[in-house]
């Protein structure tokens, strides 16, 4: 049985933290603003990791594909071949690269680039969740 709830919870946490990040409270000290941005990146990484693992299970159990690789990019290619994505494969590969590039670096240009992808990632992840689970997003 595929457990979508873990992915859903991680995605909801990312969505909420990203909303906090977008507010850009100018009364917060710069260090606190950076902490919120770092939290978004951490939540992205957690959500991303749950997402691709649930996607792998969906390909195996939901679609009955007998052999599914054990890494995100090939899984994204298989998902794209099975029309599970609304956006392009290239966009999903950007998300994969953002995850890799922010592995140990939560500040600087790579994090800024990842933060620019968050709105699209959240929308695409919600779409994928809905496609796999058959549930609407609340």
Protein backbone atom coordinates (compact mmCIF):
# COMPACT_ATOMS: atom_id res chain seq x y z
CA UNK A 1 0.00 0.00 0.00
CA UNK A 2 1.31 3.41 -0.95
CA UNK A 3 1.42 5.89 1.92
CA UNK A 4 0.66 9.27 0.44
CA UNK A 5 0.18 10.90 3.84
CA UNK A 6 3.91 11.30 4.49
CA UNK A 7 4.39 13.06 1.16
CA UNK A 8 1.25 15.14 1.74
CA UNK A 9 2.42 16.26 5.20
CA UNK A 10 5.89 17.21 3.95
CA UNK A 11 4.36 19.14 1.05
CA UNK A 12 1.95 20.99 3.34
CA UNK A 13 4.84 21.98 5.61
CA UNK A 14 6.81 23.23 2.62
CA UNK A 15 3.81 25.15 1.33
CA UNK A 16 3.25 26.87 4.70
CA UNK A 17 6.91 27.71 5.22
CA UNK A 18 7.18 29.07 1.69
CA UNK A 19 4.19 31.34 2.39
CA UNK A 20 6.07 32.67 5.44
CA UNK A 21 9.15 33.22 3.31
CA UNK A 22 7.21 35.18 0.67
CA UNK A 23 5.89 37.63 3.26
CA UNK A 24 9.40 39.12 3.64
CA UNK A 25 8.75 40.65 7.05
CA UNK A 26 11.06 43.67 7.03
CA UNK A 27 10.77 43.89 10.81
CA UNK A 28 12.54 40.58 11.20
CA UNK A 29 16.30 40.80 11.64
CA UNK A 30 18.30 39.68 8.62
CA UNK A 31 19.47 36.58 10.47
CA UNK A 32 15.85 35.51 11.05
CA UNK A 33 14.97 36.14 7.39
CA UNK A 34 17.88 33.88 6.42
CA UNK A 35 16.64 31.25 8.86
CA UNK A 36 13.21 31.25 7.22
CA UNK A 37 14.83 30.87 3.78
CA UNK A 38 17.00 28.01 5.07
CA UNK A 39 13.92 26.35 6.51
CA UNK A 40 12.22 26.49 3.12
CA UNK A 41 15.24 24.78 1.54
CA UNK A 42 15.26 22.08 4.23
CA UNK A 43 11.54 21.49 3.83
CA UNK A 44 11.99 21.34 0.05
CA UNK A 45 14.64 18.66 0.46
CA UNK A 46 12.46 16.63 2.81
CA UNK A 47 9.42 16.95 0.57
CA UNK A 48 11.44 16.13 -2.55
CA UNK A 49 12.90 13.00 -0.94
CA UNK A 50 9.49 11.71 0.17
CA UNK A 51 8.00 12.62 -3.19
CA UNK A 52 10.35 10.64 -5.39
CA UNK A 53 10.16 7.60 -3.10
CA UNK A 54 6.36 7.66 -3.17
CA UNK A 55 6.53 8.13 -6.94
CA UNK A 56 8.73 5.06 -7.18
CA UNK A 57 6.18 3.01 -5.21
CA UNK A 58 3.41 4.37 -7.41
CA UNK A 59 5.24 3.25 -10.54
CA UNK A 60 5.81 -0.20 -9.03
CA UNK A 61 2.47 -0.78 -7.31
CA UNK A 62 0.07 1.66 -8.92
CA UNK A 63 1.13 1.19 -12.51
CA UNK A 64 2.62 -2.28 -12.15
CA UNK A 65 5.95 -1.43 -13.75
CA UNK A 66 8.18 -4.37 -12.78
CA UNK A 67 11.57 -2.66 -12.77
CA UNK A 68 11.93 0.87 -11.44
CA UNK A 69 15.33 2.45 -10.80
CA UNK A 70 16.34 3.63 -7.36
CA UNK A 71 17.20 7.26 -8.05
CA UNK A 72 15.10 10.32 -8.81
CA UNK A 73 16.11 11.34 -12.33
CA UNK A 74 15.42 7.96 -13.98
CA UNK A 75 12.18 7.74 -12.00
CA UNK A 76 11.19 11.19 -13.29
CA UNK A 77 11.86 10.00 -16.83
CA UNK A 78 9.59 6.98 -16.28
CA UNK A 79 6.90 9.17 -14.71
CA UNK A 80 7.08 11.50 -17.69
CA UNK A 81 6.77 8.57 -20.10
CA UNK A 82 3.62 7.55 -18.20
CA UNK A 83 2.13 11.06 -18.39
CA UNK A 84 2.18 11.70 -14.64
CA UNK A 85 3.54 15.24 -14.90
CA UNK A 86 1.75 18.38 -15.98
CA UNK A 87 5.00 20.27 -16.48
CA UNK A 88 7.93 19.17 -18.61
CA UNK A 89 10.53 16.57 -17.74
CA UNK A 90 13.12 19.36 -17.97
CA UNK A 91 11.38 21.18 -15.14
CA UNK A 92 11.47 18.07 -12.96
CA UNK A 93 15.15 17.67 -13.71
CA UNK A 94 15.64 21.28 -12.54
CA UNK A 95 14.05 20.30 -9.25
CA UNK A 96 16.40 17.32 -9.02
CA UNK A 97 19.40 19.54 -9.67
CA UNK A 98 18.21 22.06 -7.07
CA UNK A 99 17.97 19.24 -4.53
CA UNK A 100 21.50 18.09 -5.33
CA UNK A 101 22.97 21.60 -5.34
CA UNK A 102 21.50 22.49 -1.95
CA UNK A 103 22.72 19.33 -0.24
CA UNK A 104 25.09 21.12 2.11
CA UNK A 105 24.71 24.76 1.13
CA UNK A 106 21.74 26.74 2.41
CA UNK A 107 23.00 30.16 1.46
CA UNK A 108 24.30 31.84 -1.62
CA UNK A 109 23.40 31.60 -5.27
CA UNK A 110 22.37 27.92 -5.32
CA UNK A 111 19.86 28.46 -2.54
CA UNK A 112 18.52 31.58 -4.23
CA UNK A 113 18.08 29.59 -7.43
CA UNK A 114 16.25 26.83 -5.54
CA UNK A 115 14.00 29.37 -3.83
CA UNK A 116 13.03 30.73 -7.25
CA UNK A 117 11.77 27.24 -8.16
CA UNK A 118 9.67 26.76 -5.02
CA UNK A 119 6.37 28.10 -6.27
CA UNK A 120 6.52 25.92 -9.39
CA UNK A 121 7.75 22.92 -7.42
CA UNK A 122 4.90 23.20 -4.94
CA UNK A 123 2.34 23.47 -7.74
CA UNK A 124 3.85 20.53 -9.63
CA UNK A 125 4.18 18.41 -6.49
CA UNK A 126 0.53 19.10 -5.61
CA UNK A 127 -0.47 18.04 -9.13
CA UNK A 128 1.57 14.87 -8.82
CA UNK A 129 0.08 14.12 -5.41
CA UNK A 130 -3.43 14.50 -6.84
CA UNK A 131 -2.62 12.31 -9.84
CA UNK A 132 -1.12 9.52 -7.77
CA UNK A 133 -3.51 9.57 -4.81
CA UNK A 134 -6.72 10.51 -6.60
CA UNK A 135 -7.35 13.05 -3.84
CA UNK A 136 -7.86 16.78 -4.20
CA UNK A 137 -5.49 19.14 -2.44
CA UNK A 138 -6.89 20.86 0.63
